[in-house]
Amino acid sequence: MHPIDLKLLLTLLLASALPAYASADDVALSLDADLLLDAPTLGVQQTTRPTMPEAAMPAMFRTVAPAPKVEPVPAPPVADPTNLKVNVVEVTESFYKLVFDETTNLYRRTATSDARPGDLIELVITAVNQSDQTVEEVELINSVPAGPIQLIGDSFQWDPSTSLYRISRNGQTFFQADAELDPSDIHFIQWVIFSLEPTQSLQLAYRIQISR
């Protein structure tokens, strides 16, 4: 049996199936072109993703990213008004004019808001603990009034068992009460109260003389 020329057989079969205006040579050329194709190109081609912006793609080609996981943010705790504690020390400064009473050998003290040359004035600092807790190491700083006044160096009034005071030229560096500073150089007074119970008050004082 002679070997069968498959190419020739396919050409003849296709030629018999083609319309009359198609020649066997045309079929042969077409078949030659098909046979030159690589094997992987025969069969159904795979659909590739279009190279276009994501928004312009058909829905079937779009990449749907998973929604980000959002962790719930816990609400801040609500304070219970019944458990709120407030630490407040109320401080006031009062001025009193001192007039010496020769019959009693004592000074009479009268509240005042102004002063005249020669007047002796006592400044009283009152600290009141307005909170419901004991407060400790309360620091207060007084500025000695400026102007034609003279600080009375030995006029400080305090209870050493409950408080102390320091003195300063510039309000930044403070010295102990017994430091050798001329009263005219003292421009700031720092008071330290060791402890104040709830509603407890404490008074501190010093005196100045208005220059004539």
N, C-alpha and C. Protein backbone atom coordinates (compact mmCIF):
# COMPACT_ATOMS: atom_id res chain seq x y z
N MET A 1 0.86 -1.19 0.00
CA MET A 1 0.00 0.00 0.00
C MET A 1 0.88 1.22 0.00
N HIS A 2 0.54 2.14 -0.87
CA HIS A 2 1.33 3.37 -0.93
C HIS A 2 0.97 4.27 0.24
N PRO A 3 1.94 5.01 0.74
CA PRO A 3 1.64 5.95 1.85
C PRO A 3 0.67 7.02 1.38
N ILE A 4 -0.20 7.42 2.28
CA ILE A 4 -1.22 8.42 1.95
C ILE A 4 -0.66 9.81 2.25
N ASP A 5 -0.77 10.66 1.24
CA ASP A 5 -0.35 12.05 1.43
C ASP A 5 -1.52 12.79 2.08
N LEU A 6 -1.42 13.01 3.40
CA LEU A 6 -2.52 13.62 4.14
C LEU A 6 -2.81 15.03 3.67
N LYS A 7 -1.78 15.71 3.31
CA LYS A 7 -1.97 17.09 2.85
C LYS A 7 -2.77 17.10 1.57
N LEU A 8 -2.42 16.20 0.65
CA LEU A 8 -3.13 16.12 -0.63
C LEU A 8 -4.56 15.68 -0.41
N LEU A 9 -4.76 14.74 0.54
CA LEU A 9 -6.11 14.26 0.81
C LEU A 9 -6.99 15.37 1.36
N LEU A 10 -6.45 16.17 2.30
CA LEU A 10 -7.22 17.28 2.89
C LEU A 10 -7.53 18.32 1.84
N THR A 11 -6.59 18.53 0.91
CA THR A 11 -6.82 19.51 -0.15
C THR A 11 -7.97 19.09 -1.04
N LEU A 12 -7.99 17.83 -1.39
CA LEU A 12 -9.05 17.33 -2.26
C LEU A 12 -10.41 17.37 -1.57
N LEU A 13 -10.44 17.01 -0.29
CA LEU A 13 -11.70 17.03 0.44
C LEU A 13 -12.25 18.44 0.55
N LEU A 14 -11.38 19.40 0.88
CA LEU A 14 -11.81 20.79 1.01
C LEU A 14 -12.24 21.35 -0.33
N ALA A 15 -11.53 20.96 -1.37
CA ALA A 15 -11.86 21.47 -2.70
C ALA A 15 -13.23 21.00 -3.13
N SER A 16 -13.61 19.80 -2.79
CA SER A 16 -14.92 19.29 -3.18
C SER A 16 -16.04 19.95 -2.42
N ALA A 17 -15.70 20.50 -1.21
CA ALA A 17 -16.72 21.14 -0.38
C ALA A 17 -16.84 22.62 -0.66
N LEU A 18 -15.88 23.22 -1.39
CA LEU A 18 -15.89 24.66 -1.62
C LEU A 18 -16.76 24.98 -2.80
N PRO A 19 -17.22 26.26 -2.84
CA PRO A 19 -17.96 26.69 -4.04
C PRO A 19 -17.08 26.56 -5.26
N ALA A 20 -17.70 26.65 -6.41
CA ALA A 20 -16.99 26.41 -7.67
C ALA A 20 -15.92 27.43 -7.92
N TYR A 21 -16.08 28.66 -7.35
CA TYR A 21 -15.07 29.70 -7.67
C TYR A 21 -13.83 29.56 -6.83
N ALA A 22 -13.79 28.66 -5.89
CA ALA A 22 -12.57 28.43 -5.11
C ALA A 22 -11.79 27.30 -5.73
N SER A 23 -10.53 27.56 -5.97
CA SER A 23 -9.68 26.55 -6.62
C SER A 23 -8.94 25.74 -5.59
N ALA A 24 -8.43 24.61 -6.05
CA ALA A 24 -7.65 23.74 -5.16
C ALA A 24 -6.37 24.41 -4.74
N ASP A 25 -5.81 25.28 -5.62
CA ASP A 25 -4.57 25.99 -5.25
C ASP A 25 -4.82 26.95 -4.10
N ASP A 26 -6.01 27.61 -4.18
CA ASP A 26 -6.32 28.52 -3.08
C ASP A 26 -6.40 27.77 -1.76
N VAL A 27 -7.04 26.60 -1.82
CA VAL A 27 -7.15 25.80 -0.59
C VAL A 27 -5.79 25.35 -0.13
N ALA A 28 -4.94 24.99 -1.02
CA ALA A 28 -3.60 24.54 -0.65
C ALA A 28 -2.82 25.65 0.02
N LEU A 29 -2.96 26.89 -0.56
CA LEU A 29 -2.24 28.02 0.05
C LEU A 29 -2.78 28.29 1.45
N SER A 30 -4.12 28.19 1.57
CA SER A 30 -4.71 28.44 2.88
C SER A 30 -4.29 27.38 3.88
N LEU A 31 -4.26 26.15 3.41
CA LEU A 31 -3.86 25.06 4.30
C LEU A 31 -2.41 25.20 4.68
N ASP A 32 -1.56 25.60 3.69
CA ASP A 32 -0.14 25.81 4.02
C ASP A 32 0.01 26.86 5.10
N ALA A 33 -0.76 27.94 5.01
CA ALA A 33 -0.66 29.00 6.01
C ALA A 33 -1.11 28.49 7.38
N ASP A 34 -2.19 27.70 7.39
CA ASP A 34 -2.64 27.15 8.66
C ASP A 34 -1.63 26.22 9.28
N LEU A 35 -1.01 25.42 8.44
CA LEU A 35 -0.04 24.45 8.97
C LEU A 35 1.21 25.12 9.51
N LEU A 36 1.46 26.39 9.08
CA LEU A 36 2.63 27.09 9.59
C LEU A 36 2.39 27.63 11.00
N LEU A 37 1.11 27.67 11.45
CA LEU A 37 0.83 28.18 12.79
C LEU A 37 1.38 27.24 13.84
N ASP A 38 1.81 27.81 14.93
CA ASP A 38 2.30 26.97 16.04
C ASP A 38 1.14 26.20 16.63
N ALA A 39 1.47 25.06 17.21
CA ALA A 39 0.45 24.19 17.77
C ALA A 39 -0.37 24.87 18.84
N PRO A 40 0.20 25.66 19.73
CA PRO A 40 -0.61 26.25 20.80
C PRO A 40 -1.66 27.20 20.28
N THR A 41 -1.49 27.73 19.07
CA THR A 41 -2.48 28.67 18.56
C THR A 41 -3.70 27.96 18.02
N LEU A 42 -3.65 26.66 17.86
CA LEU A 42 -4.80 25.91 17.39
C LEU A 42 -5.72 25.65 18.57
N GLY A 43 -6.94 25.90 18.43
CA GLY A 43 -7.88 25.70 19.52
C GLY A 43 -8.41 27.04 20.03
N VAL A 44 -9.08 27.03 21.17
CA VAL A 44 -9.74 28.22 21.71
C VAL A 44 -8.72 29.05 22.47
N GLN A 45 -8.63 30.32 22.13
CA GLN A 45 -7.72 31.20 22.85
C GLN A 45 -8.34 31.64 24.18
N GLN A 46 -7.46 31.91 25.18
CA GLN A 46 -7.92 32.36 26.49
C GLN A 46 -8.24 33.86 26.46
N THR A 47 -9.28 34.25 27.14
CA THR A 47 -9.64 35.67 27.20
C THR A 47 -8.68 36.41 28.11
N THR A 48 -8.12 37.51 27.63
CA THR A 48 -7.18 38.30 28.44
C THR A 48 -7.88 39.53 28.97
N ARG A 49 -7.33 40.10 30.06
CA ARG A 49 -7.91 41.30 30.68
C ARG A 49 -7.66 42.51 29.80
N PRO A 50 -8.63 43.33 29.51
CA PRO A 50 -8.40 44.51 28.69
C PRO A 50 -7.47 45.48 29.39
N THR A 51 -6.65 46.16 28.62
CA THR A 51 -5.75 47.16 29.19
C THR A 51 -6.44 48.51 29.14
N MET A 52 -7.32 48.74 30.08
CA MET A 52 -8.05 50.00 30.15
C MET A 52 -8.21 50.34 31.62
N PRO A 53 -8.50 51.59 31.90
CA PRO A 53 -8.68 51.96 33.31
C PRO A 53 -9.74 51.11 33.98
N GLU A 54 -9.54 50.90 35.27
CA GLU A 54 -10.44 50.03 36.03
C GLU A 54 -11.88 50.50 35.93
N ALA A 55 -12.08 51.82 35.97
CA ALA A 55 -13.45 52.34 35.96
C ALA A 55 -14.14 52.10 34.64
N ALA A 56 -13.35 51.96 33.54
CA ALA A 56 -13.96 51.78 32.22
C ALA A 56 -14.17 50.32 31.88
N MET A 57 -13.69 49.40 32.71
CA MET A 57 -13.81 47.99 32.41
C MET A 57 -15.23 47.51 32.63
N PRO A 58 -15.64 46.51 31.89
CA PRO A 58 -16.91 45.86 32.23
C PRO A 58 -16.84 45.27 33.62
N ALA A 59 -17.97 45.14 34.24
CA ALA A 59 -18.01 44.68 35.63
C ALA A 59 -17.33 43.34 35.81
N MET A 60 -17.39 42.47 34.81
CA MET A 60 -16.82 41.13 34.94
C MET A 60 -15.30 41.16 35.05
N PHE A 61 -14.66 42.30 34.62
CA PHE A 61 -13.19 42.37 34.67
C PHE A 61 -12.69 43.20 35.83
N ARG A 62 -13.57 43.87 36.52
CA ARG A 62 -13.11 44.76 37.58
C ARG A 62 -12.61 43.97 38.79
N THR A 63 -11.60 44.53 39.44
CA THR A 63 -11.09 43.93 40.66
C THR A 63 -11.87 44.50 41.83
N VAL A 64 -12.53 43.66 42.53
CA VAL A 64 -13.31 44.11 43.68
C VAL A 64 -12.50 43.85 44.94
N ALA A 65 -11.96 44.94 45.51
CA ALA A 65 -11.15 44.78 46.73
C ALA A 65 -12.05 44.56 47.92
N PRO A 66 -11.64 43.70 48.82
CA PRO A 66 -12.47 43.48 50.01
C PRO A 66 -12.55 44.76 50.84
N ALA A 67 -13.68 45.01 51.43
CA ALA A 67 -13.86 46.20 52.26
C ALA A 67 -12.93 46.13 53.46
N PRO A 68 -12.24 47.24 53.78
CA PRO A 68 -11.34 47.21 54.94
C PRO A 68 -12.10 46.94 56.23
N LYS A 69 -11.45 46.23 57.10
CA LYS A 69 -12.07 45.90 58.37
C LYS A 69 -11.90 47.07 59.32
N VAL A 70 -12.97 47.61 59.76
CA VAL A 70 -12.94 48.77 60.65
C VAL A 70 -13.21 48.29 62.07
N GLU A 71 -12.21 48.52 62.93
CA GLU A 71 -12.39 48.13 64.31
C GLU A 71 -13.25 49.18 65.02
N PRO A 72 -14.22 48.79 65.78
CA PRO A 72 -15.05 49.78 66.49
C PRO A 72 -14.23 50.54 67.52
N VAL A 73 -14.44 51.84 67.59
CA VAL A 73 -13.74 52.69 68.56
C VAL A 73 -14.56 52.73 69.83
N PRO A 74 -13.97 52.29 70.94
CA PRO A 74 -14.75 52.29 72.18
C PRO A 74 -15.08 53.71 72.62
N ALA A 75 -16.22 53.91 73.10
CA ALA A 75 -16.65 55.22 73.58
C ALA A 75 -15.91 55.55 74.86
N PRO A 76 -15.54 56.84 75.05
CA PRO A 76 -14.84 57.21 76.28
C PRO A 76 -15.73 56.98 77.49
N PRO A 77 -15.13 56.60 78.59
CA PRO A 77 -15.95 56.36 79.78
C PRO A 77 -16.63 57.64 80.24
N VAL A 78 -17.82 57.51 80.68
CA VAL A 78 -18.58 58.65 81.19
C VAL A 78 -18.34 58.75 82.68
N ALA A 79 -17.88 59.93 83.08
CA ALA A 79 -17.58 60.13 84.50
C ALA A 79 -18.87 60.15 85.31
N ASP A 80 -18.79 59.54 86.44
CA ASP A 80 -19.92 59.53 87.35
C ASP A 80 -19.86 60.79 88.20
N PRO A 81 -20.82 61.70 88.05
CA PRO A 81 -20.75 62.96 88.82
C PRO A 81 -20.66 62.74 90.32
N THR A 82 -21.16 61.64 90.81
CA THR A 82 -21.13 61.41 92.24
C THR A 82 -19.73 61.07 92.72
N ASN A 83 -18.83 60.68 91.77
CA ASN A 83 -17.48 60.30 92.17
C ASN A 83 -16.44 61.36 91.83
N LEU A 84 -16.88 62.50 91.28
CA LEU A 84 -15.93 63.54 90.93
C LEU A 84 -15.38 64.20 92.17
N LYS A 85 -14.06 64.43 92.17
CA LYS A 85 -13.41 65.10 93.30
C LYS A 85 -12.65 66.30 92.75
N VAL A 86 -12.82 67.44 93.36
CA VAL A 86 -12.19 68.66 92.89
C VAL A 86 -11.25 69.17 93.97
N ASN A 87 -10.00 69.45 93.57
CA ASN A 87 -9.03 70.01 94.49
C ASN A 87 -8.88 71.49 94.18
N VAL A 88 -9.43 72.33 95.00
CA VAL A 88 -9.40 73.77 94.78
C VAL A 88 -9.01 74.45 96.09
N VAL A 89 -7.96 75.28 95.99
CA VAL A 89 -7.59 76.12 97.12
C VAL A 89 -7.86 77.56 96.69
N GLU A 90 -8.80 78.19 97.35
CA GLU A 90 -9.15 79.57 97.04
C GLU A 90 -8.26 80.51 97.85
N VAL A 91 -7.64 81.45 97.15
CA VAL A 91 -6.71 82.37 97.80
C VAL A 91 -7.20 83.79 97.59
N THR A 92 -7.27 84.55 98.66
CA THR A 92 -7.64 85.96 98.60
C THR A 92 -6.59 86.79 99.32
N GLU A 93 -6.48 88.06 98.90
CA GLU A 93 -5.52 88.98 99.52
C GLU A 93 -6.29 90.23 99.96
N SER A 94 -6.18 90.57 101.20
CA SER A 94 -6.91 91.72 101.76
C SER A 94 -5.93 92.73 102.32
N PHE A 95 -6.35 94.01 102.30
CA PHE A 95 -5.50 95.09 102.79
C PHE A 95 -6.19 95.76 103.99
N TYR A 96 -5.40 95.97 105.02
CA TYR A 96 -5.93 96.58 106.23
C TYR A 96 -5.01 97.74 106.65
N LYS A 97 -5.66 98.84 107.02
CA LYS A 97 -4.90 99.98 107.56
C LYS A 97 -4.78 99.80 109.07
N LEU A 98 -3.56 99.94 109.55
CA LEU A 98 -3.31 99.77 110.98
C LEU A 98 -3.12 101.14 111.64
N VAL A 99 -3.87 101.34 112.70
CA VAL A 99 -3.75 102.59 113.47
C VAL A 99 -3.47 102.21 114.92
N PHE A 100 -2.39 102.78 115.46
CA PHE A 100 -2.00 102.42 116.82
C PHE A 100 -2.90 103.12 117.83
N ASP A 101 -3.40 102.30 118.78
CA ASP A 101 -4.27 102.81 119.84
C ASP A 101 -3.44 102.89 121.12
N GLU A 102 -3.18 104.11 121.57
CA GLU A 102 -2.29 104.29 122.73
C GLU A 102 -2.94 103.81 124.02
N THR A 103 -4.24 103.78 124.06
CA THR A 103 -4.90 103.34 125.30
C THR A 103 -4.77 101.84 125.51
N THR A 104 -4.71 101.10 124.42
CA THR A 104 -4.61 99.65 124.53
C THR A 104 -3.22 99.14 124.11
N ASN A 105 -2.43 100.04 123.55
CA ASN A 105 -1.11 99.65 123.03
C ASN A 105 -1.22 98.56 121.95
N LEU A 106 -2.32 98.62 121.23
CA LEU A 106 -2.55 97.67 120.15
C LEU A 106 -2.92 98.43 118.87
N TYR A 107 -2.79 97.74 117.75
CA TYR A 107 -3.19 98.34 116.47
C TYR A 107 -4.65 98.00 116.18
N ARG A 108 -5.38 99.01 115.78
CA ARG A 108 -6.74 98.79 115.27
C ARG A 108 -6.64 98.57 113.76
N ARG A 109 -7.32 97.55 113.29
CA ARG A 109 -7.19 97.17 111.89
C ARG A 109 -8.50 97.47 111.16
N THR A 110 -8.38 98.23 110.07
CA THR A 110 -9.55 98.61 109.29
C THR A 110 -9.31 98.25 107.83
N ALA A 111 -10.27 97.54 107.24
CA ALA A 111 -10.13 97.18 105.82
C ALA A 111 -10.09 98.43 104.97
N THR A 112 -9.24 98.43 103.96
CA THR A 112 -9.09 99.59 103.09
C THR A 112 -8.75 99.15 101.67
N SER A 113 -9.04 100.03 100.72
CA SER A 113 -8.69 99.76 99.33
C SER A 113 -7.71 100.80 98.80
N ASP A 114 -7.35 101.77 99.61
CA ASP A 114 -6.35 102.76 99.21
C ASP A 114 -5.47 103.09 100.41
N ALA A 115 -4.42 103.80 100.13
CA ALA A 115 -3.48 104.14 101.20
C ALA A 115 -2.87 105.51 100.91
N ARG A 116 -2.46 106.17 101.96
CA ARG A 116 -1.86 107.49 101.86
C ARG A 116 -0.45 107.45 102.44
N PRO A 117 0.37 108.42 102.06
CA PRO A 117 1.73 108.46 102.61
C PRO A 117 1.71 108.42 104.14
N GLY A 118 2.56 107.56 104.67
CA GLY A 118 2.66 107.39 106.11
C GLY A 118 1.81 106.26 106.64
N ASP A 119 0.87 105.74 105.88
CA ASP A 119 0.00 104.66 106.37
C ASP A 119 0.78 103.36 106.53
N LEU A 120 0.41 102.64 107.57
CA LEU A 120 0.93 101.30 107.80
C LEU A 120 -0.15 100.31 107.34
N ILE A 121 0.22 99.46 106.37
CA ILE A 121 -0.75 98.55 105.76
C ILE A 121 -0.34 97.10 106.05
N GLU A 122 -1.32 96.33 106.44
CA GLU A 122 -1.11 94.89 106.63
C GLU A 122 -1.80 94.13 105.50
N LEU A 123 -1.04 93.30 104.83
CA LEU A 123 -1.57 92.45 103.75
C LEU A 123 -1.82 91.06 104.32
N VAL A 124 -3.04 90.59 104.21
CA VAL A 124 -3.43 89.29 104.76
C VAL A 124 -3.79 88.37 103.60
N ILE A 125 -3.10 87.23 103.54
CA ILE A 125 -3.36 86.20 102.52
C ILE A 125 -4.14 85.08 103.19
N THR A 126 -5.31 84.77 102.64
CA THR A 126 -6.16 83.71 103.19
C THR A 126 -6.30 82.60 102.17
N ALA A 127 -5.98 81.38 102.59
CA ALA A 127 -6.12 80.20 101.73
C ALA A 127 -7.18 79.29 102.33
N VAL A 128 -8.15 78.90 101.52
CA VAL A 128 -9.24 78.02 101.97
C VAL A 128 -9.30 76.80 101.06
N ASN A 129 -9.32 75.63 101.66
CA ASN A 129 -9.46 74.40 100.89
C ASN A 129 -10.93 74.17 100.59
N GLN A 130 -11.33 74.39 99.33
CA GLN A 130 -12.73 74.26 98.93
C GLN A 130 -13.05 72.85 98.43
N SER A 131 -12.11 71.95 98.49
CA SER A 131 -12.34 70.61 97.97
C SER A 131 -12.79 69.66 99.08
N ASP A 132 -13.02 68.42 98.67
CA ASP A 132 -13.41 67.40 99.65
C ASP A 132 -12.23 66.50 100.00
N GLN A 133 -11.03 66.94 99.67
CA GLN A 133 -9.83 66.15 99.97
C GLN A 133 -8.80 67.03 100.68
N THR A 134 -7.95 66.38 101.43
CA THR A 134 -6.84 67.09 102.04
C THR A 134 -5.79 67.40 100.98
N VAL A 135 -5.32 68.63 100.95
CA VAL A 135 -4.28 69.02 100.00
C VAL A 135 -3.00 69.30 100.77
N GLU A 136 -1.89 69.00 100.12
CA GLU A 136 -0.59 69.15 100.77
C GLU A 136 0.37 69.94 99.90
N GLU A 137 1.35 70.56 100.56
CA GLU A 137 2.39 71.32 99.89
C GLU A 137 1.81 72.36 98.93
N VAL A 138 0.93 73.19 99.44
CA VAL A 138 0.34 74.26 98.64
C VAL A 138 1.33 75.43 98.60
N GLU A 139 1.69 75.87 97.39
CA GLU A 139 2.64 76.97 97.23
C GLU A 139 1.93 78.21 96.71
N LEU A 140 2.15 79.32 97.37
CA LEU A 140 1.59 80.61 96.96
C LEU A 140 2.73 81.60 96.81
N ILE A 141 2.65 82.47 95.82
CA ILE A 141 3.68 83.49 95.62
C ILE A 141 3.01 84.86 95.59
N ASN A 142 3.46 85.74 96.49
CA ASN A 142 2.98 87.12 96.52
C ASN A 142 4.02 88.04 95.90
N SER A 143 3.53 89.02 95.14
CA SER A 143 4.40 90.10 94.67
C SER A 143 4.24 91.26 95.64
N VAL A 144 5.34 91.70 96.19
CA VAL A 144 5.28 92.84 97.09
C VAL A 144 4.88 94.07 96.28
N PRO A 145 3.88 94.83 96.73
CA PRO A 145 3.43 96.00 95.96
C PRO A 145 4.59 96.92 95.61
N ALA A 146 4.58 97.39 94.35
CA ALA A 146 5.62 98.30 93.90
C ALA A 146 5.22 99.74 94.20
N GLY A 147 6.20 100.62 94.12
CA GLY A 147 5.92 102.04 94.36
C GLY A 147 6.63 102.53 95.61
N PRO A 148 6.19 103.64 96.09
CA PRO A 148 6.86 104.25 97.27
C PRO A 148 6.46 103.56 98.56
N ILE A 149 6.90 102.32 98.71
CA ILE A 149 6.57 101.56 99.92
C ILE A 149 7.85 100.98 100.51
N GLN A 150 7.75 100.61 101.76
CA GLN A 150 8.87 99.95 102.45
C GLN A 150 8.34 98.69 103.12
N LEU A 151 8.95 97.57 102.79
CA LEU A 151 8.55 96.30 103.42
C LEU A 151 9.10 96.26 104.84
N ILE A 152 8.25 95.93 105.80
CA ILE A 152 8.67 95.79 107.19
C ILE A 152 9.23 94.38 107.35
N GLY A 153 10.55 94.27 107.49
CA GLY A 153 11.21 92.97 107.43
C GLY A 153 10.80 91.99 108.50
N ASP A 154 10.46 92.48 109.72
CA ASP A 154 10.14 91.57 110.82
C ASP A 154 8.64 91.46 111.05
N SER A 155 7.86 91.72 110.00
CA SER A 155 6.41 91.75 110.19
C SER A 155 5.70 90.49 109.67
N PHE A 156 6.44 89.50 109.21
CA PHE A 156 5.81 88.30 108.65
C PHE A 156 5.08 87.53 109.75
N GLN A 157 3.88 87.09 109.46
CA GLN A 157 3.07 86.34 110.40
C GLN A 157 2.69 84.99 109.79
N TRP A 158 3.08 83.93 110.45
CA TRP A 158 2.78 82.57 109.99
C TRP A 158 2.96 81.62 111.16
N ASP A 159 2.44 80.43 111.02
CA ASP A 159 2.57 79.41 112.06
C ASP A 159 3.60 78.39 111.57
N PRO A 160 4.76 78.32 112.17
CA PRO A 160 5.80 77.39 111.71
C PRO A 160 5.38 75.93 111.71
N SER A 161 4.33 75.59 112.46
CA SER A 161 3.88 74.20 112.49
C SER A 161 3.01 73.87 111.27
N THR A 162 2.52 74.87 110.57
CA THR A 162 1.64 74.62 109.43
C THR A 162 2.18 75.18 108.12
N SER A 163 3.19 76.05 108.18
CA SER A 163 3.63 76.72 106.95
C SER A 163 5.03 77.30 107.12
N LEU A 164 5.57 77.79 106.01
CA LEU A 164 6.84 78.51 106.02
C LEU A 164 6.82 79.52 104.88
N TYR A 165 7.82 80.40 104.84
CA TYR A 165 7.90 81.33 103.73
C TYR A 165 9.35 81.50 103.29
N ARG A 166 9.51 81.90 102.03
CA ARG A 166 10.82 82.20 101.46
C ARG A 166 10.74 83.56 100.77
N ILE A 167 11.89 84.17 100.55
CA ILE A 167 11.93 85.52 99.97
C ILE A 167 12.80 85.53 98.73
N SER A 168 12.52 86.48 97.83
CA SER A 168 13.23 86.51 96.55
C SER A 168 13.33 87.93 96.00
N ARG A 169 14.39 88.16 95.25
CA ARG A 169 14.54 89.44 94.55
C ARG A 169 13.78 89.42 93.22
N ASN A 170 13.87 88.29 92.50
CA ASN A 170 13.38 88.24 91.11
C ASN A 170 12.20 87.29 90.90
N GLY A 171 11.76 86.59 91.91
CA GLY A 171 10.64 85.66 91.74
C GLY A 171 11.05 84.31 91.17
N GLN A 172 12.34 84.11 90.92
CA GLN A 172 12.83 82.83 90.39
C GLN A 172 13.69 82.09 91.39
N THR A 173 14.56 82.81 92.07
CA THR A 173 15.42 82.21 93.09
C THR A 173 14.93 82.67 94.46
N PHE A 174 14.55 81.69 95.27
CA PHE A 174 14.01 82.00 96.59
C PHE A 174 15.00 81.55 97.67
N PHE A 175 15.06 82.37 98.73
CA PHE A 175 15.95 82.09 99.85
C PHE A 175 15.13 81.85 101.10
N GLN A 176 15.75 81.18 102.07
CA GLN A 176 15.08 80.92 103.33
C GLN A 176 14.76 82.24 104.03
N ALA A 177 13.80 82.17 104.93
CA ALA A 177 13.33 83.39 105.58
C ALA A 177 14.43 84.12 106.34
N ASP A 178 15.43 83.39 106.82
CA ASP A 178 16.49 84.03 107.60
C ASP A 178 17.66 84.50 106.72
N ALA A 179 17.49 84.49 105.39
CA ALA A 179 18.56 84.95 104.51
C ALA A 179 18.79 86.45 104.72
N GLU A 180 20.03 86.86 104.58
CA GLU A 180 20.38 88.26 104.80
C GLU A 180 20.11 89.08 103.54
N LEU A 181 18.85 89.44 103.38
CA LEU A 181 18.42 90.30 102.28
C LEU A 181 17.84 91.56 102.87
N ASP A 182 18.24 92.70 102.31
CA ASP A 182 17.66 93.96 102.75
C ASP A 182 16.17 93.97 102.37
N PRO A 183 15.30 94.41 103.28
CA PRO A 183 13.86 94.42 102.95
C PRO A 183 13.54 95.14 101.64
N SER A 184 14.33 96.14 101.27
CA SER A 184 14.06 96.86 100.02
C SER A 184 14.36 96.01 98.80
N ASP A 185 15.11 94.92 98.98
CA ASP A 185 15.44 94.01 97.87
C ASP A 185 14.45 92.86 97.74
N ILE A 186 13.53 92.74 98.68
CA ILE A 186 12.56 91.64 98.65
C ILE A 186 11.35 92.09 97.84
N HIS A 187 11.14 91.44 96.70
CA HIS A 187 10.02 91.79 95.83
C HIS A 187 9.00 90.65 95.69
N PHE A 188 9.37 89.45 96.14
CA PHE A 188 8.47 88.29 96.04
C PHE A 188 8.55 87.49 97.32
N ILE A 189 7.40 86.94 97.73
CA ILE A 189 7.31 86.09 98.92
C ILE A 189 6.64 84.78 98.52
N GLN A 190 7.28 83.69 98.83
CA GLN A 190 6.71 82.37 98.56
C GLN A 190 6.26 81.75 99.87
N TRP A 191 4.99 81.40 99.93
CA TRP A 191 4.44 80.73 101.10
C TRP A 191 4.23 79.25 100.77
N VAL A 192 4.54 78.38 101.69
CA VAL A 192 4.31 76.95 101.53
C VAL A 192 3.45 76.48 102.70
N ILE A 193 2.26 76.00 102.39
CA ILE A 193 1.35 75.47 103.41
C ILE A 193 1.49 73.95 103.39
N PHE A 194 1.82 73.39 104.53
CA PHE A 194 2.10 71.95 104.58
C PHE A 194 0.87 71.11 104.26
N SER A 195 -0.28 71.48 104.82
CA SER A 195 -1.48 70.66 104.63
C SER A 195 -2.72 71.49 104.94
N LEU A 196 -3.77 71.21 104.17
CA LEU A 196 -5.07 71.84 104.44
C LEU A 196 -6.15 70.79 104.35
N GLU A 197 -6.92 70.65 105.42
CA GLU A 197 -8.04 69.73 105.43
C GLU A 197 -9.20 70.34 104.63
N PRO A 198 -10.17 69.54 104.22
CA PRO A 198 -11.34 70.09 103.55
C PRO A 198 -12.00 71.19 104.39
N THR A 199 -12.29 72.32 103.73
CA THR A 199 -12.91 73.52 104.31
C THR A 199 -11.98 74.26 105.27
N GLN A 200 -10.80 73.77 105.52
CA GLN A 200 -9.89 74.45 106.44
C GLN A 200 -9.32 75.70 105.78
N SER A 201 -9.09 76.75 106.57
CA SER A 201 -8.50 77.99 106.07
C SER A 201 -7.26 78.33 106.89
N LEU A 202 -6.39 79.11 106.26
CA LEU A 202 -5.14 79.51 106.92
C LEU A 202 -4.81 80.93 106.48
N GLN A 203 -4.37 81.76 107.44
CA GLN A 203 -4.03 83.14 107.14
C GLN A 203 -2.54 83.38 107.32
N LEU A 204 -1.99 84.16 106.39
CA LEU A 204 -0.59 84.56 106.41
C LEU A 204 -0.58 86.07 106.22
N ALA A 205 0.43 86.75 106.72
CA ALA A 205 0.40 88.21 106.64
C ALA A 205 1.81 88.81 106.69
N TYR A 206 1.91 90.03 106.18
CA TYR A 206 3.11 90.85 106.33
C TYR A 206 2.69 92.32 106.19
N ARG A 207 3.60 93.25 106.52
CA ARG A 207 3.23 94.65 106.54
C ARG A 207 4.16 95.48 105.65
N ILE A 208 3.59 96.58 105.17
CA ILE A 208 4.36 97.56 104.40
C ILE A 208 4.04 98.95 104.95
N GLN A 209 4.98 99.86 104.76
CA GLN A 209 4.79 101.26 105.15
C GLN A 209 4.80 102.12 103.91
N ILE A 210 3.78 102.97 103.76
CA ILE A 210 3.74 103.87 102.61
C ILE A 210 4.71 105.02 102.90
N SER A 211 5.61 105.26 101.99
CA SER A 211 6.62 106.31 102.19
C SER A 211 5.94 107.69 102.20
N ARG A 212 6.49 108.58 103.02
CA ARG A 212 5.97 109.92 103.09
C ARG A 212 6.51 110.78 101.95
